Amino acid sequence: MRDSLWKQPIFRAAQGVLNDMKVDVPGVLLNVAIHRANTEGFVTAFYFFEPATAGILSTERSWANSEWAKDRVTADPRRTKYLDDLKAWGKSWAPIVYAYRATANHGATEQAASASDH
């Protein structure tokens, strides 16, 4: 599981930074991703969570054999609730990510308009 994730360029770069900082990456992480795209560009934010911090221990194995795989996770009410909580967290943070993008664009537009007035 870990090997396939860390082969992706963005995660390989992150792993290099974590290694430089001497951070031990847990074997089982779940993520919430928030993606925003429009004609001006895109932004994707990944937030990683370690189920063990919530007392949910997992065995590191391939995703297909993981306790977190879609066809297995519903067998464990604690895991299901944990995923539901992560989804709710992501939905609560998505507007903040979206607002930041909109605010960043709005600020750039205001600065350009202000500069052209002078």
PDB file of N, CA and C in Angstrom:
ATOM      1  N   MET A   1       0.828  -1.184   0.000  1.00  0.00           N
ATOM      2  CA  MET A   1       0.000   0.000   0.000  1.00  0.00           C
ATOM      3  C   MET A   1       0.875   1.251   0.000  1.00  0.00           C
ATOM      4  N   ARG A   2       1.820   1.315   0.885  1.00  0.00           N
ATOM      5  CA  ARG A   2       2.664   2.490   0.995  1.00  0.00           C
ATOM      6  C   ARG A   2       3.474   2.708  -0.282  1.00  0.00           C
ATOM      7  N   ASP A   3       3.978   1.610  -0.867  1.00  0.00           N
ATOM      8  CA  ASP A   3       4.829   1.747  -2.038  1.00  0.00           C
ATOM      9  C   ASP A   3       4.108   2.383  -3.213  1.00  0.00           C
ATOM     10  N   SER A   4       2.862   1.980  -3.484  1.00  0.00           N
ATOM     11  CA  SER A   4       2.152   2.533  -4.636  1.00  0.00           C
ATOM     12  C   SER A   4       1.842   4.013  -4.437  1.00  0.00           C
ATOM     13  N   LEU A   5       1.460   4.403  -3.238  1.00  0.00           N
ATOM     14  CA  LEU A   5       1.179   5.807  -2.955  1.00  0.00           C
ATOM     15  C   LEU A   5       2.426   6.657  -3.152  1.00  0.00           C
ATOM     16  N   TRP A   6       3.542   6.214  -2.620  1.00  0.00           N
ATOM     17  CA  TRP A   6       4.753   7.026  -2.632  1.00  0.00           C
ATOM     18  C   TRP A   6       5.434   7.062  -3.990  1.00  0.00           C
ATOM     19  N   LYS A   7       4.934   6.316  -4.974  1.00  0.00           N
ATOM     20  CA  LYS A   7       5.477   6.397  -6.333  1.00  0.00           C
ATOM     21  C   LYS A   7       4.956   7.620  -7.082  1.00  0.00           C
ATOM     22  N   GLN A   8       3.846   8.176  -6.635  1.00  0.00           N
ATOM     23  CA  GLN A   8       3.286   9.352  -7.286  1.00  0.00           C
ATOM     24  C   GLN A   8       4.201  10.549  -7.007  1.00  0.00           C
ATOM     25  N   PRO A   9       4.507  11.360  -8.035  1.00  0.00           N
ATOM     26  CA  PRO A   9       5.494  12.446  -7.874  1.00  0.00           C
ATOM     27  C   PRO A   9       5.232  13.387  -6.707  1.00  0.00           C
ATOM     28  N   ILE A  10       4.001  13.801  -6.497  1.00  0.00           N
ATOM     29  CA  ILE A  10       3.721  14.752  -5.419  1.00  0.00           C
ATOM     30  C   ILE A  10       4.021  14.139  -4.059  1.00  0.00           C
ATOM     31  N   PHE A  11       3.705  12.851  -3.907  1.00  0.00           N
ATOM     32  CA  PHE A  11       3.939  12.188  -2.640  1.00  0.00           C
ATOM     33  C   PHE A  11       5.408  11.807  -2.482  1.00  0.00           C
ATOM     34  N   ARG A  12       6.072  11.534  -3.591  1.00  0.00           N
ATOM     35  CA  ARG A  12       7.508  11.247  -3.533  1.00  0.00           C
ATOM     36  C   ARG A  12       8.253  12.492  -3.040  1.00  0.00           C
ATOM     37  N   ALA A  13       7.843  13.660  -3.541  1.00  0.00           N
ATOM     38  CA  ALA A  13       8.458  14.911  -3.078  1.00  0.00           C
ATOM     39  C   ALA A  13       8.171  15.137  -1.594  1.00  0.00           C
ATOM     40  N   ALA A  14       6.925  14.880  -1.199  1.00  0.00           N
ATOM     41  CA  ALA A  14       6.569  15.037   0.223  1.00  0.00           C
ATOM     42  C   ALA A  14       7.367  14.073   1.086  1.00  0.00           C
ATOM     43  N   GLN A  15       7.541  12.856   0.608  1.00  0.00           N
ATOM     44  CA  GLN A  15       8.310  11.878   1.373  1.00  0.00           C
ATOM     45  C   GLN A  15       9.747  12.352   1.564  1.00  0.00           C
ATOM     46  N   GLY A  16      10.319  12.976   0.539  1.00  0.00           N
ATOM     47  CA  GLY A  16      11.676  13.508   0.669  1.00  0.00           C
ATOM     48  C   GLY A  16      11.762  14.563   1.756  1.00  0.00           C
ATOM     49  N   VAL A  17      10.783  15.443   1.801  1.00  0.00           N
ATOM     50  CA  VAL A  17      10.763  16.483   2.836  1.00  0.00           C
ATOM     51  C   VAL A  17      10.605  15.848   4.214  1.00  0.00           C
ATOM     52  N   LEU A  18       9.694  14.890   4.321  1.00  0.00           N
ATOM     53  CA  LEU A  18       9.485  14.226   5.612  1.00  0.00           C
ATOM     54  C   LEU A  18      10.741  13.478   6.052  1.00  0.00           C
ATOM     55  N   ASN A  19      11.406  12.823   5.117  1.00  0.00           N
ATOM     56  CA  ASN A  19      12.659  12.127   5.449  1.00  0.00           C
ATOM     57  C   ASN A  19      13.715  13.109   5.931  1.00  0.00           C
ATOM     58  N   ASP A  20      13.839  14.261   5.231  1.00  0.00           N
ATOM     59  CA  ASP A  20      14.806  15.287   5.641  1.00  0.00           C
ATOM     60  C   ASP A  20      14.520  15.794   7.054  1.00  0.00           C
ATOM     61  N   MET A  21      13.242  15.830   7.405  1.00  0.00           N
ATOM     62  CA  MET A  21      12.835  16.315   8.726  1.00  0.00           C
ATOM     63  C   MET A  21      12.834  15.199   9.769  1.00  0.00           C
ATOM     64  N   LYS A  22      13.216  13.992   9.339  1.00  0.00           N
ATOM     65  CA  LYS A  22      13.267  12.821  10.231  1.00  0.00           C
ATOM     66  C   LYS A  22      11.885  12.459  10.804  1.00  0.00           C
ATOM     67  N   VAL A  23      10.840  12.630   9.981  1.00  0.00           N
ATOM     68  CA  VAL A  23       9.477  12.287  10.387  1.00  0.00           C
ATOM     69  C   VAL A  23       9.202  10.847   9.977  1.00  0.00           C
ATOM     70  N   ASP A  24       8.758  10.049  10.932  1.00  0.00           N
ATOM     71  CA  ASP A  24       8.400   8.665  10.661  1.00  0.00           C
ATOM     72  C   ASP A  24       6.942   8.634  10.211  1.00  0.00           C
ATOM     73  N   VAL A  25       6.713   8.288   8.954  1.00  0.00           N
ATOM     74  CA  VAL A  25       5.357   8.263   8.402  1.00  0.00           C
ATOM     75  C   VAL A  25       4.675   6.961   8.810  1.00  0.00           C
ATOM     76  N   PRO A  26       3.495   7.058   9.409  1.00  0.00           N
ATOM     77  CA  PRO A  26       2.772   5.845   9.809  1.00  0.00           C
ATOM     78  C   PRO A  26       2.456   4.976   8.596  1.00  0.00           C
ATOM     79  N   GLY A  27       2.294   3.686   8.822  1.00  0.00           N
ATOM     80  CA  GLY A  27       2.002   2.758   7.739  1.00  0.00           C
ATOM     81  C   GLY A  27       0.601   2.860   7.201  1.00  0.00           C
ATOM     82  N   VAL A  28      -0.332   3.338   8.011  1.00  0.00           N
ATOM     83  CA  VAL A  28      -1.725   3.452   7.576  1.00  0.00           C
ATOM     84  C   VAL A  28      -2.187   4.888   7.787  1.00  0.00           C
ATOM     85  N   LEU A  29      -2.491   5.535   6.685  1.00  0.00           N
ATOM     86  CA  LEU A  29      -3.024   6.889   6.697  1.00  0.00           C
ATOM     87  C   LEU A  29      -4.239   6.937   5.785  1.00  0.00           C
ATOM     88  N   LEU A  30      -5.196   7.733   6.157  1.00  0.00           N
ATOM     89  CA  LEU A  30      -6.352   7.997   5.302  1.00  0.00           C
ATOM     90  C   LEU A  30      -6.292   9.470   4.945  1.00  0.00           C
ATOM     91  N   ASN A  31      -6.833   9.825   3.779  1.00  0.00           N
ATOM     92  CA  ASN A  31      -6.777  11.239   3.430  1.00  0.00           C
ATOM     93  C   ASN A  31      -8.126  11.779   3.013  1.00  0.00           C
ATOM     94  N   VAL A  32      -8.249  13.076   3.225  1.00  0.00           N
ATOM     95  CA  VAL A  32      -9.369  13.854   2.716  1.00  0.00           C
ATOM     96  C   VAL A  32      -8.746  14.798   1.697  1.00  0.00           C
ATOM     97  N   ALA A  33      -9.271  14.775   0.488  1.00  0.00           N
ATOM     98  CA  ALA A  33      -8.767  15.655  -0.563  1.00  0.00           C
ATOM     99  C   ALA A  33      -9.859  16.653  -0.934  1.00  0.00           C
ATOM    100  N   ILE A  34      -9.466  17.899  -1.066  1.00  0.00           N
ATOM    101  CA  ILE A  34     -10.382  18.947  -1.502  1.00  0.00           C
ATOM    102  C   ILE A  34      -9.790  19.528  -2.776  1.00  0.00           C
ATOM    103  N   HIS A  35     -10.592  19.528  -3.831  1.00  0.00           N
ATOM    104  CA  HIS A  35     -10.112  19.967  -5.144  1.00  0.00           C
ATOM    105  C   HIS A  35     -11.011  21.087  -5.647  1.00  0.00           C
ATOM    106  N   ARG A  36     -10.395  22.108  -6.174  1.00  0.00           N
ATOM    107  CA  ARG A  36     -11.124  23.238  -6.752  1.00  0.00           C
ATOM    108  C   ARG A  36     -10.467  23.569  -8.083  1.00  0.00           C
ATOM    109  N   ALA A  37     -11.264  23.687  -9.126  1.00  0.00           N
ATOM    110  CA  ALA A  37     -10.726  24.025 -10.444  1.00  0.00           C
ATOM    111  C   ALA A  37     -11.667  24.982 -11.150  1.00  0.00           C
ATOM    112  N   ASN A  38     -11.076  25.884 -11.905  1.00  0.00           N
ATOM    113  CA  ASN A  38     -11.847  26.753 -12.795  1.00  0.00           C
ATOM    114  C   ASN A  38     -10.953  27.117 -13.968  1.00  0.00           C
ATOM    115  N   THR A  39     -11.374  28.040 -14.802  1.00  0.00           N
ATOM    116  CA  THR A  39     -10.595  28.371 -16.000  1.00  0.00           C
ATOM    117  C   THR A  39      -9.260  29.029 -15.679  1.00  0.00           C
ATOM    118  N   GLU A  40      -9.095  29.543 -14.466  1.00  0.00           N
ATOM    119  CA  GLU A  40      -7.853  30.212 -14.085  1.00  0.00           C
ATOM    120  C   GLU A  40      -6.816  29.272 -13.488  1.00  0.00           C
ATOM    121  N   GLY A  41      -7.239  28.069 -13.084  1.00  0.00           N
ATOM    122  CA  GLY A  41      -6.292  27.143 -12.493  1.00  0.00           C
ATOM    123  C   GLY A  41      -6.981  26.175 -11.555  1.00  0.00           C
ATOM    124  N   PHE A  42      -6.183  25.542 -10.735  1.00  0.00           N
ATOM    125  CA  PHE A  42      -6.738  24.577  -9.795  1.00  0.00           C
ATOM    126  C   PHE A  42      -5.885  24.521  -8.540  1.00  0.00           C
ATOM    127  N   VAL A  43      -6.490  23.983  -7.496  1.00  0.00           N
ATOM    128  CA  VAL A  43      -5.783  23.725  -6.257  1.00  0.00           C
ATOM    129  C   VAL A  43      -6.346  22.428  -5.675  1.00  0.00           C
ATOM    130  N   THR A  44      -5.465  21.608  -5.154  1.00  0.00           N
ATOM    131  CA  THR A  44      -5.865  20.385  -4.472  1.00  0.00           C
ATOM    132  C   THR A  44      -5.144  20.356  -3.137  1.00  0.00           C
ATOM    133  N   ALA A  45      -5.909  20.145  -2.089  1.00  0.00           N
ATOM    134  CA  ALA A  45      -5.334  20.047  -0.744  1.00  0.00           C
ATOM    135  C   ALA A  45      -5.585  18.644  -0.219  1.00  0.00           C
ATOM    136  N   PHE A  46      -4.535  18.003   0.269  1.00  0.00           N
ATOM    137  CA  PHE A  46      -4.645  16.685   0.881  1.00  0.00           C
ATOM    138  C   PHE A  46      -4.397  16.826   2.374  1.00  0.00           C
ATOM    139  N   TYR A  47      -5.282  16.267   3.161  1.00  0.00           N
ATOM    140  CA  TYR A  47      -5.134  16.235   4.612  1.00  0.00           C
ATOM    141  C   TYR A  47      -5.088  14.765   5.013  1.00  0.00           C
ATOM    142  N   PHE A  48      -4.048  14.382   5.731  1.00  0.00           N
ATOM    143  CA  PHE A  48      -3.858  12.982   6.105  1.00  0.00           C
ATOM    144  C   PHE A  48      -4.176  12.765   7.575  1.00  0.00           C
ATOM    145  N   PHE A  49      -4.797  11.628   7.840  1.00  0.00           N
ATOM    146  CA  PHE A  49      -5.209  11.273   9.193  1.00  0.00           C
ATOM    147  C   PHE A  49      -4.744   9.865   9.508  1.00  0.00           C
ATOM    148  N   GLU A  50      -4.299   9.688  10.739  1.00  0.00           N
ATOM    149  CA  GLU A  50      -3.847   8.373  11.198  1.00  0.00           C
ATOM    150  C   GLU A  50      -4.920   7.787  12.118  1.00  0.00           C
ATOM    151  N   PRO A  51      -5.615   6.737  11.667  1.00  0.00           N
ATOM    152  CA  PRO A  51      -6.683   6.153  12.477  1.00  0.00           C
ATOM    153  C   PRO A  51      -6.220   5.717  13.874  1.00  0.00           C
ATOM    154  N   ALA A  52      -4.967   5.351  14.018  1.00  0.00           N
ATOM    155  CA  ALA A  52      -4.458   4.907  15.322  1.00  0.00           C
ATOM    156  C   ALA A  52      -4.585   6.003  16.378  1.00  0.00           C
ATOM    157  N   THR A  53      -4.544   7.275  15.970  1.00  0.00           N
ATOM    158  CA  THR A  53      -4.683   8.358  16.941  1.00  0.00           C
ATOM    159  C   THR A  53      -6.091   8.398  17.527  1.00  0.00           C
ATOM    160  N   ALA A  54      -7.034   7.747  16.840  1.00  0.00           N
ATOM    161  CA  ALA A  54      -8.406   7.649  17.350  1.00  0.00           C
ATOM    162  C   ALA A  54      -8.637   6.285  17.999  1.00  0.00           C
ATOM    163  N   GLY A  55      -7.548   5.538  18.197  1.00  0.00           N
ATOM    164  CA  GLY A  55      -7.655   4.235  18.828  1.00  0.00           C
ATOM    165  C   GLY A  55      -8.075   3.116  17.891  1.00  0.00           C
ATOM    166  N   ILE A  56      -8.010   3.367  16.585  1.00  0.00           N
ATOM    167  CA  ILE A  56      -8.384   2.349  15.601  1.00  0.00           C
ATOM    168  C   ILE A  56      -7.107   1.816  14.973  1.00  0.00           C
ATOM    169  N   LEU A  57      -6.678   0.670  15.438  1.00  0.00           N
ATOM    170  CA  LEU A  57      -5.441   0.083  14.942  1.00  0.00           C
ATOM    171  C   LEU A  57      -5.678  -0.630  13.619  1.00  0.00           C
ATOM    172  N   SER A  58      -4.697  -0.563  12.752  1.00  0.00           N
ATOM    173  CA  SER A  58      -4.787  -1.168  11.427  1.00  0.00           C
ATOM    174  C   SER A  58      -3.500  -1.900  11.126  1.00  0.00           C
ATOM    175  N   THR A  59      -3.606  -2.883  10.283  1.00  0.00           N
ATOM    176  CA  THR A  59      -2.433  -3.613   9.830  1.00  0.00           C
ATOM    177  C   THR A  59      -2.032  -3.065   8.463  1.00  0.00           C
ATOM    178  N   GLU A  60      -0.761  -2.754   8.295  1.00  0.00           N
ATOM    179  CA  GLU A  60      -0.286  -2.258   7.001  1.00  0.00           C
ATOM    180  C   GLU A  60      -0.301  -3.416   6.012  1.00  0.00           C
ATOM    181  N   ARG A  61      -1.060  -3.253   4.937  1.00  0.00           N
ATOM    182  CA  ARG A  61      -1.163  -4.264   3.882  1.00  0.00           C
ATOM    183  C   ARG A  61      -1.645  -3.588   2.620  1.00  0.00           C
ATOM    184  N   SER A  62      -1.750  -4.327   1.535  1.00  0.00           N
ATOM    185  CA  SER A  62      -2.209  -3.731   0.278  1.00  0.00           C
ATOM    186  C   SER A  62      -3.618  -3.172   0.470  1.00  0.00           C
ATOM    187  N   TRP A  63      -3.956  -2.163  -0.326  1.00  0.00           N
ATOM    188  CA  TRP A  63      -5.267  -1.537  -0.183  1.00  0.00           C
ATOM    189  C   TRP A  63      -6.377  -2.559  -0.417  1.00  0.00           C
ATOM    190  N   ALA A  64      -6.210  -3.441  -1.373  1.00  0.00           N
ATOM    191  CA  ALA A  64      -7.233  -4.449  -1.671  1.00  0.00           C
ATOM    192  C   ALA A  64      -7.511  -5.347  -0.473  1.00  0.00           C
ATOM    193  N   ASN A  65      -6.521  -5.558   0.385  1.00  0.00           N
ATOM    194  CA  ASN A  65      -6.677  -6.423   1.560  1.00  0.00           C
ATOM    195  C   ASN A  65      -6.847  -5.643   2.862  1.00  0.00           C
ATOM    196  N   SER A  66      -6.915  -4.336   2.768  1.00  0.00           N
ATOM    197  CA  SER A  66      -6.985  -3.486   3.949  1.00  0.00           C
ATOM    198  C   SER A  66      -8.349  -3.555   4.627  1.00  0.00           C
ATOM    199  N   GLU A  67      -8.321  -3.338   5.937  1.00  0.00           N
ATOM    200  CA  GLU A  67      -9.566  -3.222   6.693  1.00  0.00           C
ATOM    201  C   GLU A  67     -10.360  -1.997   6.253  1.00  0.00           C
ATOM    202  N   TRP A  68      -9.676  -1.066   5.563  1.00  0.00           N
ATOM    203  CA  TRP A  68     -10.296   0.186   5.132  1.00  0.00           C
ATOM    204  C   TRP A  68     -10.856   0.110   3.719  1.00  0.00           C
ATOM    205  N   ALA A  69     -10.645  -0.996   3.023  1.00  0.00           N
ATOM    206  CA  ALA A  69     -11.177  -1.151   1.667  1.00  0.00           C
ATOM    207  C   ALA A  69     -12.702  -1.044   1.695  1.00  0.00           C
ATOM    208  N   LYS A  70     -13.255  -0.477   0.644  1.00  0.00           N
ATOM    209  CA  LYS A  70     -14.686  -0.182   0.585  1.00  0.00           C
ATOM    210  C   LYS A  70     -15.563  -1.393   0.892  1.00  0.00           C
ATOM    211  N   ASP A  71     -15.178  -2.561   0.421  1.00  0.00           N
ATOM    212  CA  ASP A  71     -16.012  -3.743   0.634  1.00  0.00           C
ATOM    213  C   ASP A  71     -15.852  -4.357   2.028  1.00  0.00           C
ATOM    214  N   ARG A  72     -14.923  -3.850   2.843  1.00  0.00           N
ATOM    215  CA  ARG A  72     -14.716  -4.387   4.191  1.00  0.00           C
ATOM    216  C   ARG A  72     -15.035  -3.395   5.309  1.00  0.00           C
ATOM    217  N   VAL A  73     -14.890  -2.138   5.041  1.00  0.00           N
ATOM    218  CA  VAL A  73     -14.958  -1.135   6.101  1.00  0.00           C
ATOM    219  C   VAL A  73     -16.319  -1.106   6.792  1.00  0.00           C
ATOM    220  N   THR A  74     -17.381  -1.386   6.084  1.00  0.00           N
ATOM    221  CA  THR A  74     -18.711  -1.322   6.695  1.00  0.00           C
ATOM    222  C   THR A  74     -18.931  -2.433   7.717  1.00  0.00           C
ATOM    223  N   ALA A  75     -18.064  -3.436   7.742  1.00  0.00           N
ATOM    224  CA  ALA A  75     -18.182  -4.510   8.734  1.00  0.00           C
ATOM    225  C   ALA A  75     -17.774  -4.043  10.125  1.00  0.00           C
ATOM    226  N   ASP A  76     -17.120  -2.899  10.211  1.00  0.00           N
ATOM    227  CA  ASP A  76     -16.642  -2.385  11.497  1.00  0.00           C
ATOM    228  C   ASP A  76     -17.277  -1.014  11.753  1.00  0.00           C
ATOM    229  N   PRO A  77     -18.221  -0.935  12.672  1.00  0.00           N
ATOM    230  CA  PRO A  77     -18.904   0.339  12.937  1.00  0.00           C
ATOM    231  C   PRO A  77     -17.961   1.478  13.334  1.00  0.00           C
ATOM    232  N   ARG A  78     -16.875   1.181  14.042  1.00  0.00           N
ATOM    233  CA  ARG A  78     -15.920   2.248  14.435  1.00  0.00           C
ATOM    234  C   ARG A  78     -15.228   2.828  13.213  1.00  0.00           C
ATOM    235  N   ARG A  79     -14.841   1.959  12.297  1.00  0.00           N
ATOM    236  CA  ARG A  79     -14.190   2.445  11.066  1.00  0.00           C
ATOM    237  C   ARG A  79     -15.184   3.246  10.224  1.00  0.00           C
ATOM    238  N   THR A  80     -16.401   2.749  10.128  1.00  0.00           N
ATOM    239  CA  THR A  80     -17.433   3.456   9.364  1.00  0.00           C
ATOM    240  C   THR A  80     -17.665   4.839   9.943  1.00  0.00           C
ATOM    241  N   LYS A  81     -17.774   4.929  11.272  1.00  0.00           N
ATOM    242  CA  LYS A  81     -17.968   6.234  11.910  1.00  0.00           C
ATOM    243  C   LYS A  81     -16.761   7.144  11.681  1.00  0.00           C
ATOM    244  N   TYR A  82     -15.562   6.583  11.776  1.00  0.00           N
ATOM    245  CA  TYR A  82     -14.353   7.371  11.550  1.00  0.00           C
ATOM    246  C   TYR A  82     -14.368   7.965  10.135  1.00  0.00           C
ATOM    247  N   LEU A  83     -14.720   7.147   9.150  1.00  0.00           N
ATOM    248  CA  LEU A  83     -14.802   7.652   7.772  1.00  0.00           C
ATOM    249  C   LEU A  83     -15.893   8.707   7.625  1.00  0.00           C
ATOM    250  N   ASP A  84     -17.026   8.476   8.250  1.00  0.00           N
ATOM    251  CA  ASP A  84     -18.097   9.472   8.209  1.00  0.00           C
ATOM    252  C   ASP A  84     -17.640  10.788   8.830  1.00  0.00           C
ATOM    253  N   ASP A  85     -16.902  10.703   9.937  1.00  0.00           N
ATOM    254  CA  ASP A  85     -16.363  11.911  10.580  1.00  0.00           C
ATOM    255  C   ASP A  85     -15.366  12.629   9.671  1.00  0.00           C
ATOM    256  N   LEU A  86     -14.520  11.865   8.972  1.00  0.00           N
ATOM    257  CA  LEU A  86     -13.567  12.485   8.040  1.00  0.00           C
ATOM    258  C   LEU A  86     -14.293  13.169   6.890  1.00  0.00           C
ATOM    259  N   LYS A  87     -15.317  12.517   6.365  1.00  0.00           N
ATOM    260  CA  LYS A  87     -16.101  13.129   5.279  1.00  0.00           C
ATOM    261  C   LYS A  87     -16.753  14.424   5.745  1.00  0.00           C
ATOM    262  N   ALA A  88     -17.318  14.400   6.949  1.00  0.00           N
ATOM    263  CA  ALA A  88     -17.944  15.611   7.494  1.00  0.00           C
ATOM    264  C   ALA A  88     -16.902  16.706   7.690  1.00  0.00           C
ATOM    265  N   TRP A  89     -15.727  16.336   8.169  1.00  0.00           N
ATOM    266  CA  TRP A  89     -14.653  17.316   8.349  1.00  0.00           C
ATOM    267  C   TRP A  89     -14.288  17.930   6.998  1.00  0.00           C
ATOM    268  N   GLY A  90     -14.139  17.086   5.989  1.00  0.00           N
ATOM    269  CA  GLY A  90     -13.805  17.580   4.660  1.00  0.00           C
ATOM    270  C   GLY A  90     -14.869  18.520   4.109  1.00  0.00           C
ATOM    271  N   LYS A  91     -16.123  18.166   4.300  1.00  0.00           N
ATOM    272  CA  LYS A  91     -17.215  19.034   3.827  1.00  0.00           C
ATOM    273  C   LYS A  91     -17.224  20.361   4.571  1.00  0.00           C
ATOM    274  N   SER A  92     -16.842  20.349   5.843  1.00  0.00           N
ATOM    275  CA  SER A  92     -16.824  21.606   6.597  1.00  0.00           C
ATOM    276  C   SER A  92     -15.645  22.492   6.194  1.00  0.00           C
ATOM    277  N   TRP A  93     -14.555  21.886   5.760  1.00  0.00           N
ATOM    278  CA  TRP A  93     -13.370  22.653   5.360  1.00  0.00           C
ATOM    279  C   TRP A  93     -13.379  23.049   3.890  1.00  0.00           C
ATOM    280  N   ALA A  94     -14.120  22.346   3.055  1.00  0.00           N
ATOM    281  CA  ALA A  94     -14.142  22.658   1.619  1.00  0.00           C
ATOM    282  C   ALA A  94     -14.511  24.117   1.345  1.00  0.00           C
ATOM    283  N   PRO A  95     -15.539  24.676   1.966  1.00  0.00           N
ATOM    284  CA  PRO A  95     -15.857  26.086   1.699  1.00  0.00           C
ATOM    285  C   PRO A  95     -14.721  27.036   2.053  1.00  0.00           C
ATOM    286  N   ILE A  96     -13.938  26.673   3.052  1.00  0.00           N
ATOM    287  CA  ILE A  96     -12.796  27.517   3.429  1.00  0.00           C
ATOM    288  C   ILE A  96     -11.750  27.494   2.325  1.00  0.00           C
ATOM    289  N   VAL A  97     -11.463  26.314   1.794  1.00  0.00           N
ATOM    290  CA  VAL A  97     -10.518  26.203   0.679  1.00  0.00           C
ATOM    291  C   VAL A  97     -11.058  26.969  -0.528  1.00  0.00           C
ATOM    292  N   TYR A  98     -12.347  26.795  -0.821  1.00  0.00           N
ATOM    293  CA  TYR A  98     -12.953  27.481  -1.961  1.00  0.00           C
ATOM    294  C   TYR A  98     -12.948  28.994  -1.762  1.00  0.00           C
ATOM    295  N   ALA A  99     -13.227  29.459  -0.563  1.00  0.00           N
ATOM    296  CA  ALA A  99     -13.244  30.897  -0.293  1.00  0.00           C
ATOM    297  C   ALA A  99     -11.854  31.486  -0.437  1.00  0.00           C
ATOM    298  N   TYR A 100     -10.852  30.761  -0.003  1.00  0.00           N
ATOM    299  CA  TYR A 100      -9.477  31.247  -0.147  1.00  0.00           C
ATOM    300  C   TYR A 100      -9.149  31.471  -1.605  1.00  0.00           C
ATOM    301  N   ARG A 101      -9.501  30.539  -2.433  1.00  0.00           N
ATOM    302  CA  ARG A 101      -9.247  30.659  -3.871  1.00  0.00           C
ATOM    303  C   ARG A 101      -9.966  31.874  -4.432  1.00  0.00           C
ATOM    304  N   ALA A 102     -11.235  32.022  -4.074  1.00  0.00           N
ATOM    305  CA  ALA A 102     -12.011  33.151  -4.573  1.00  0.00           C
ATOM    306  C   ALA A 102     -11.449  34.467  -4.051  1.00  0.00           C
ATOM    307  N   THR A 103     -11.055  34.508  -2.793  1.00  0.00           N
ATOM    308  CA  THR A 103     -10.494  35.709  -2.204  1.00  0.00           C
ATOM    309  C   THR A 103      -9.167  36.055  -2.860  1.00  0.00           C
ATOM    310  N   ALA A 104      -8.345  35.045  -3.119  1.00  0.00           N
ATOM    311  CA  ALA A 104      -7.051  35.297  -3.761  1.00  0.00           C
ATOM    312  C   ALA A 104      -7.263  35.904  -5.141  1.00  0.00           C
ATOM    313  N   ASN A 105      -8.211  35.384  -5.905  1.00  0.00           N
ATOM    314  CA  ASN A 105      -8.482  35.938  -7.234  1.00  0.00           C
ATOM    315  C   ASN A 105      -9.073  37.335  -7.129  1.00  0.00           C
ATOM    316  N   HIS A 106      -9.973  37.536  -6.189  1.00  0.00           N
ATOM    317  CA  HIS A 106     -10.614  38.832  -6.017  1.00  0.00           C
ATOM    318  C   HIS A 106      -9.581  39.887  -5.645  1.00  0.00           C
ATOM    319  N   GLY A 107      -8.682  39.540  -4.751  1.00  0.00           N
ATOM    320  CA  GLY A 107      -7.639  40.484  -4.347  1.00  0.00           C
ATOM    321  C   GLY A 107      -6.743  40.872  -5.506  1.00  0.00           C
ATOM    322  N   ALA A 108      -6.390  39.906  -6.353  1.00  0.00           N
ATOM    323  CA  ALA A 108      -5.547  40.199  -7.513  1.00  0.00           C
ATOM    324  C   ALA A 108      -6.283  41.114  -8.475  1.00  0.00           C
ATOM    325  N   THR A 109      -7.584  40.901  -8.663  1.00  0.00           N
ATOM    326  CA  THR A 109      -8.391  41.739  -9.555  1.00  0.00           C
ATOM    327  C   THR A 109      -8.456  43.156  -9.021  1.00  0.00           C
ATOM    328  N   GLU A 110      -8.671  43.299  -7.705  1.00  0.00           N
ATOM    329  CA  GLU A 110      -8.742  44.627  -7.101  1.00  0.00           C
ATOM    330  C   GLU A 110      -7.411  45.362  -7.243  1.00  0.00           C
ATOM    331  N   GLN A 111      -6.294  44.655  -7.060  1.00  0.00           N
ATOM    332  CA  GLN A 111      -4.985  45.296  -7.188  1.00  0.00           C
ATOM    333  C   GLN A 111      -4.749  45.755  -8.622  1.00  0.00           C
ATOM    334  N   ALA A 112      -5.132  44.933  -9.583  1.00  0.00           N
ATOM    335  CA  ALA A 112      -4.943  45.315 -10.997  1.00  0.00           C
ATOM    336  C   ALA A 112      -5.810  46.523 -11.335  1.00  0.00           C
ATOM    337  N   ALA A 113      -7.051  46.549 -10.852  1.00  0.00           N
ATOM    338  CA  ALA A 113      -7.943  47.677 -11.116  1.00  0.00           C
ATOM    339  C   ALA A 113      -7.401  48.944 -10.468  1.00  0.00           C
ATOM    340  N   SER A 114      -6.892  48.816  -9.241  1.00  0.00           N
ATOM    341  CA  SER A 114      -6.350  49.959  -8.528  1.00  0.00           C
ATOM    342  C   SER A 114      -5.125  50.522  -9.257  1.00  0.00           C
ATOM    343  N   ALA A 115      -4.277  49.644  -9.762  1.00  0.00           N
ATOM    344  CA  ALA A 115      -3.075  50.087 -10.472  1.00  0.00           C
ATOM    345  C   ALA A 115      -3.436  50.801 -11.760  1.00  0.00           C
ATOM    346  N   SER A 116      -4.485  50.361 -12.439  1.00  0.00           N
ATOM    347  CA  SER A 116      -4.846  50.979 -13.706  1.00  0.00           C
ATOM    348  C   SER A 116      -5.528  52.334 -13.509  1.00  0.00           C
ATOM    349  N   ASP A 117      -6.032  52.609 -12.299  1.00  0.00           N
ATOM    350  CA  ASP A 117      -6.675  53.891 -12.005  1.00  0.00           C
ATOM    351  C   ASP A 117      -5.660  55.006 -11.819  1.00  0.00           C
ATOM    352  N   HIS A 118      -4.405  54.663 -11.586  1.00  0.00           N
ATOM    353  CA  HIS A 118      -3.382  55.685 -11.276  1.00  0.00           C
ATOM    354  C   HIS A 118      -2.613  56.091 -12.488  1.00  0.00           C
TER     355      HIS A 118
END
